[in-house]
């Protein structure tokens, strides 16, 4: 879809519908391309337990979860 600056103002609903249909919208200013609005990517179907970060410290026996969180949340400078 191609839209001028005026279309962005007066036909916003049509532009949003085009984005819902996964169409890119080319924005024109005085007939020249100024930019492209692309639809946001849908959330992936990745479950939390499947994320690579989940359980990355499961083999670590040094600290409990609460101790590790306290260590991450401490202030930047030790007083």
N, C-alpha and C. Protein backbone atom coordinates (compact mmCIF):
# COMPACT_ATOMS: atom_id res chain seq x y z
N UNK A 1 0.86 -1.18 0.00
CA UNK A 1 0.00 0.00 0.00
C UNK A 1 0.89 1.23 0.00
N UNK A 2 0.46 2.24 -0.70
CA UNK A 2 1.17 3.52 -0.72
C UNK A 2 0.26 4.57 -0.07
N UNK A 3 0.84 5.41 0.76
CA UNK A 3 0.05 6.43 1.46
C UNK A 3 0.85 7.72 1.54
N UNK A 4 0.15 8.81 1.31
CA UNK A 4 0.79 10.11 1.45
C UNK A 4 0.69 10.56 2.90
N UNK A 5 1.30 11.67 3.19
CA UNK A 5 1.24 12.23 4.54
C UNK A 5 -0.20 12.56 4.90
N UNK A 6 -0.96 13.05 3.95
CA UNK A 6 -2.37 13.38 4.20
C UNK A 6 -3.16 12.10 4.49
N UNK A 7 -2.83 11.02 3.78
CA UNK A 7 -3.50 9.74 4.03
C UNK A 7 -3.22 9.24 5.45
N UNK A 8 -2.02 9.48 5.94
CA UNK A 8 -1.72 9.07 7.31
C UNK A 8 -2.67 9.73 8.30
N UNK A 9 -3.04 10.96 7.99
CA UNK A 9 -3.92 11.69 8.90
C UNK A 9 -5.39 11.30 8.73
N UNK A 10 -5.84 11.24 7.48
CA UNK A 10 -7.26 11.06 7.25
C UNK A 10 -7.69 9.62 6.99
N UNK A 11 -6.77 8.75 6.64
CA UNK A 11 -7.12 7.36 6.35
C UNK A 11 -6.34 6.40 7.25
N UNK A 12 -6.16 6.79 8.48
CA UNK A 12 -5.41 5.98 9.44
C UNK A 12 -6.02 4.60 9.59
N UNK A 13 -7.34 4.52 9.60
CA UNK A 13 -8.01 3.23 9.76
C UNK A 13 -7.66 2.28 8.62
N UNK A 14 -7.62 2.80 7.39
CA UNK A 14 -7.26 1.96 6.24
C UNK A 14 -5.82 1.48 6.34
N UNK A 15 -4.96 2.33 6.81
CA UNK A 15 -3.55 1.96 6.96
C UNK A 15 -3.39 0.89 8.02
N UNK A 16 -4.11 1.03 9.12
CA UNK A 16 -4.04 0.02 10.18
C UNK A 16 -4.60 -1.32 9.70
N UNK A 17 -5.65 -1.27 8.88
CA UNK A 17 -6.19 -2.51 8.32
C UNK A 17 -5.18 -3.19 7.39
N UNK A 18 -4.45 -2.39 6.61
CA UNK A 18 -3.42 -2.95 5.74
C UNK A 18 -2.31 -3.61 6.56
N UNK A 19 -1.96 -3.00 7.67
CA UNK A 19 -0.94 -3.59 8.54
C UNK A 19 -1.46 -4.88 9.17
N UNK A 20 -2.75 -4.92 9.48
CA UNK A 20 -3.35 -6.15 10.00
C UNK A 20 -3.30 -7.28 8.97
N UNK A 21 -3.34 -6.91 7.69
CA UNK A 21 -3.25 -7.91 6.61
C UNK A 21 -1.79 -8.23 6.29
N UNK A 22 -0.86 -7.78 7.12
CA UNK A 22 0.59 -7.98 6.95
C UNK A 22 1.12 -7.34 5.67
N UNK A 23 0.55 -6.21 5.28
CA UNK A 23 1.05 -5.45 4.15
C UNK A 23 1.96 -4.34 4.66
N UNK A 24 3.00 -4.05 3.92
CA UNK A 24 3.84 -2.90 4.23
C UNK A 24 3.19 -1.66 3.64
N UNK A 25 3.38 -0.53 4.30
CA UNK A 25 2.81 0.74 3.83
C UNK A 25 3.97 1.67 3.50
N UNK A 26 4.04 2.09 2.25
CA UNK A 26 5.06 3.03 1.81
C UNK A 26 4.54 4.44 2.00
N UNK A 27 5.28 5.25 2.73
CA UNK A 27 4.87 6.63 3.02
C UNK A 27 5.53 7.55 2.01
N UNK A 28 4.70 8.36 1.35
CA UNK A 28 5.19 9.30 0.33
C UNK A 28 5.05 10.73 0.82
N UNK A 29 6.04 11.53 0.50
CA UNK A 29 6.01 12.97 0.81
C UNK A 29 6.40 13.70 -0.46
N UNK A 30 5.49 14.46 -1.01
CA UNK A 30 5.68 15.14 -2.29
C UNK A 30 6.05 14.14 -3.39
N UNK A 31 5.44 12.97 -3.35
CA UNK A 31 5.65 11.96 -4.37
C UNK A 31 6.91 11.12 -4.22
N UNK A 32 7.72 11.42 -3.21
CA UNK A 32 8.96 10.67 -2.98
C UNK A 32 8.81 9.80 -1.74
N UNK A 33 9.41 8.65 -1.79
CA UNK A 33 9.33 7.71 -0.66
C UNK A 33 10.11 8.28 0.52
N UNK A 34 9.40 8.41 1.66
CA UNK A 34 10.02 8.88 2.89
C UNK A 34 10.33 7.73 3.84
N UNK A 35 9.54 6.68 3.75
CA UNK A 35 9.75 5.56 4.65
C UNK A 35 8.76 4.45 4.38
N UNK A 36 8.96 3.36 5.10
CA UNK A 36 8.09 2.20 4.98
C UNK A 36 7.66 1.78 6.37
N UNK A 37 6.37 1.60 6.55
CA UNK A 37 5.84 1.10 7.81
C UNK A 37 5.58 -0.39 7.61
N UNK A 38 6.23 -1.20 8.43
CA UNK A 38 6.06 -2.64 8.32
C UNK A 38 5.25 -3.16 9.49
N UNK A 39 4.45 -4.21 9.26
CA UNK A 39 3.67 -4.76 10.37
C UNK A 39 4.57 -5.40 11.41
N UNK A 40 4.14 -5.31 12.66
CA UNK A 40 4.90 -5.92 13.74
C UNK A 40 4.82 -7.42 13.58
N UNK A 41 5.89 -8.08 13.95
CA UNK A 41 5.90 -9.54 13.86
C UNK A 41 5.05 -10.11 14.97
N UNK A 42 4.38 -11.18 14.65
CA UNK A 42 3.56 -11.85 15.65
C UNK A 42 4.46 -12.50 16.69
N UNK A 43 3.91 -12.63 17.88
CA UNK A 43 4.66 -13.30 18.93
C UNK A 43 4.91 -14.74 18.53
N UNK A 44 6.10 -15.18 18.81
CA UNK A 44 6.41 -16.56 18.46
C UNK A 44 5.71 -17.50 19.43
N UNK A 45 5.52 -18.70 19.00
CA UNK A 45 4.86 -19.70 19.83
C UNK A 45 5.81 -20.35 20.81
N UNK A 46 6.95 -19.72 21.06
CA UNK A 46 7.95 -20.28 21.96
C UNK A 46 7.48 -20.20 23.40
N UNK A 47 7.46 -21.33 24.04
CA UNK A 47 7.07 -21.37 25.45
C UNK A 47 8.28 -20.96 26.30
N UNK A 48 8.02 -20.51 27.49
CA UNK A 48 9.09 -20.03 28.35
C UNK A 48 10.10 -21.13 28.64
N UNK A 49 9.61 -22.32 28.87
CA UNK A 49 10.52 -23.42 29.18
C UNK A 49 11.40 -23.80 27.99
N UNK A 50 11.02 -23.42 26.79
CA UNK A 50 11.81 -23.71 25.61
C UNK A 50 12.83 -22.63 25.30
N UNK A 51 12.78 -21.50 26.00
CA UNK A 51 13.71 -20.40 25.76
C UNK A 51 15.10 -20.83 26.22
N UNK A 52 16.14 -20.49 25.45
CA UNK A 52 17.50 -20.93 25.81
C UNK A 52 17.97 -20.41 27.17
N UNK A 53 17.45 -19.28 27.63
CA UNK A 53 17.88 -18.73 28.91
C UNK A 53 17.32 -19.51 30.09
N UNK A 54 16.20 -20.18 29.89
CA UNK A 54 15.53 -20.87 30.98
C UNK A 54 16.40 -22.02 31.47
N UNK A 55 16.71 -22.01 32.74
CA UNK A 55 17.47 -23.08 33.36
C UNK A 55 18.95 -23.07 33.05
N UNK A 56 19.49 -21.93 32.63
CA UNK A 56 20.90 -21.91 32.26
C UNK A 56 21.82 -22.10 33.46
N UNK A 57 21.32 -21.89 34.67
CA UNK A 57 22.14 -22.08 35.86
C UNK A 57 21.71 -23.31 36.65
N UNK A 58 21.06 -24.24 36.02
CA UNK A 58 20.55 -25.40 36.76
C UNK A 58 21.68 -26.25 37.32
N UNK A 59 22.84 -26.24 36.67
CA UNK A 59 23.97 -27.03 37.15
C UNK A 59 24.77 -26.31 38.22
N UNK A 60 24.51 -25.03 38.39
CA UNK A 60 25.25 -24.23 39.36
C UNK A 60 24.73 -24.51 40.77
N UNK A 61 25.62 -24.92 41.64
CA UNK A 61 25.24 -25.20 43.03
C UNK A 61 25.80 -24.15 43.98
N UNK A 62 26.39 -23.09 43.42
CA UNK A 62 27.03 -22.07 44.24
C UNK A 62 26.04 -21.25 45.04
N UNK A 63 25.00 -20.80 44.39
CA UNK A 63 24.05 -19.90 45.03
C UNK A 63 22.62 -20.41 44.83
N UNK A 64 21.77 -20.03 45.76
CA UNK A 64 20.35 -20.29 45.56
C UNK A 64 19.82 -19.22 44.61
N UNK A 65 18.61 -19.40 44.16
CA UNK A 65 18.00 -18.43 43.25
C UNK A 65 17.89 -17.07 43.92
N UNK A 66 17.46 -17.04 45.16
CA UNK A 66 17.31 -15.77 45.87
C UNK A 66 18.65 -15.08 46.06
N UNK A 67 19.69 -15.84 46.36
CA UNK A 67 21.02 -15.23 46.51
C UNK A 67 21.51 -14.66 45.18
N UNK A 68 21.25 -15.37 44.12
CA UNK A 68 21.66 -14.88 42.81
C UNK A 68 20.90 -13.62 42.43
N UNK A 69 19.58 -13.57 42.71
CA UNK A 69 18.81 -12.36 42.44
C UNK A 69 19.30 -11.19 43.28
N UNK A 70 19.60 -11.42 44.55
CA UNK A 70 20.14 -10.35 45.38
C UNK A 70 21.46 -9.84 44.82
N UNK A 71 22.26 -10.74 44.30
CA UNK A 71 23.54 -10.35 43.70
C UNK A 71 23.32 -9.53 42.44
N UNK A 72 22.33 -9.89 41.62
CA UNK A 72 22.03 -9.14 40.40
C UNK A 72 21.41 -7.78 40.69
N UNK A 73 20.65 -7.69 41.78
CA UNK A 73 19.93 -6.46 42.09
C UNK A 73 20.70 -5.50 42.98
N UNK A 74 21.89 -5.86 43.37
CA UNK A 74 22.64 -4.97 44.27
C UNK A 74 22.97 -3.66 43.59
N UNK A 75 23.32 -2.68 44.37
CA UNK A 75 23.60 -1.36 43.80
C UNK A 75 24.86 -1.41 42.95
N UNK A 76 25.01 -0.41 42.14
CA UNK A 76 26.14 -0.39 41.21
C UNK A 76 27.47 -0.29 41.96
N UNK A 77 27.48 0.50 42.99
CA UNK A 77 28.71 0.70 43.74
C UNK A 77 28.53 0.17 45.15
N UNK A 78 29.49 -0.57 45.62
CA UNK A 78 29.45 -1.05 47.00
C UNK A 78 29.82 0.12 47.90
N UNK A 79 29.05 0.30 48.96
CA UNK A 79 29.31 1.43 49.88
C UNK A 79 30.17 1.01 51.01
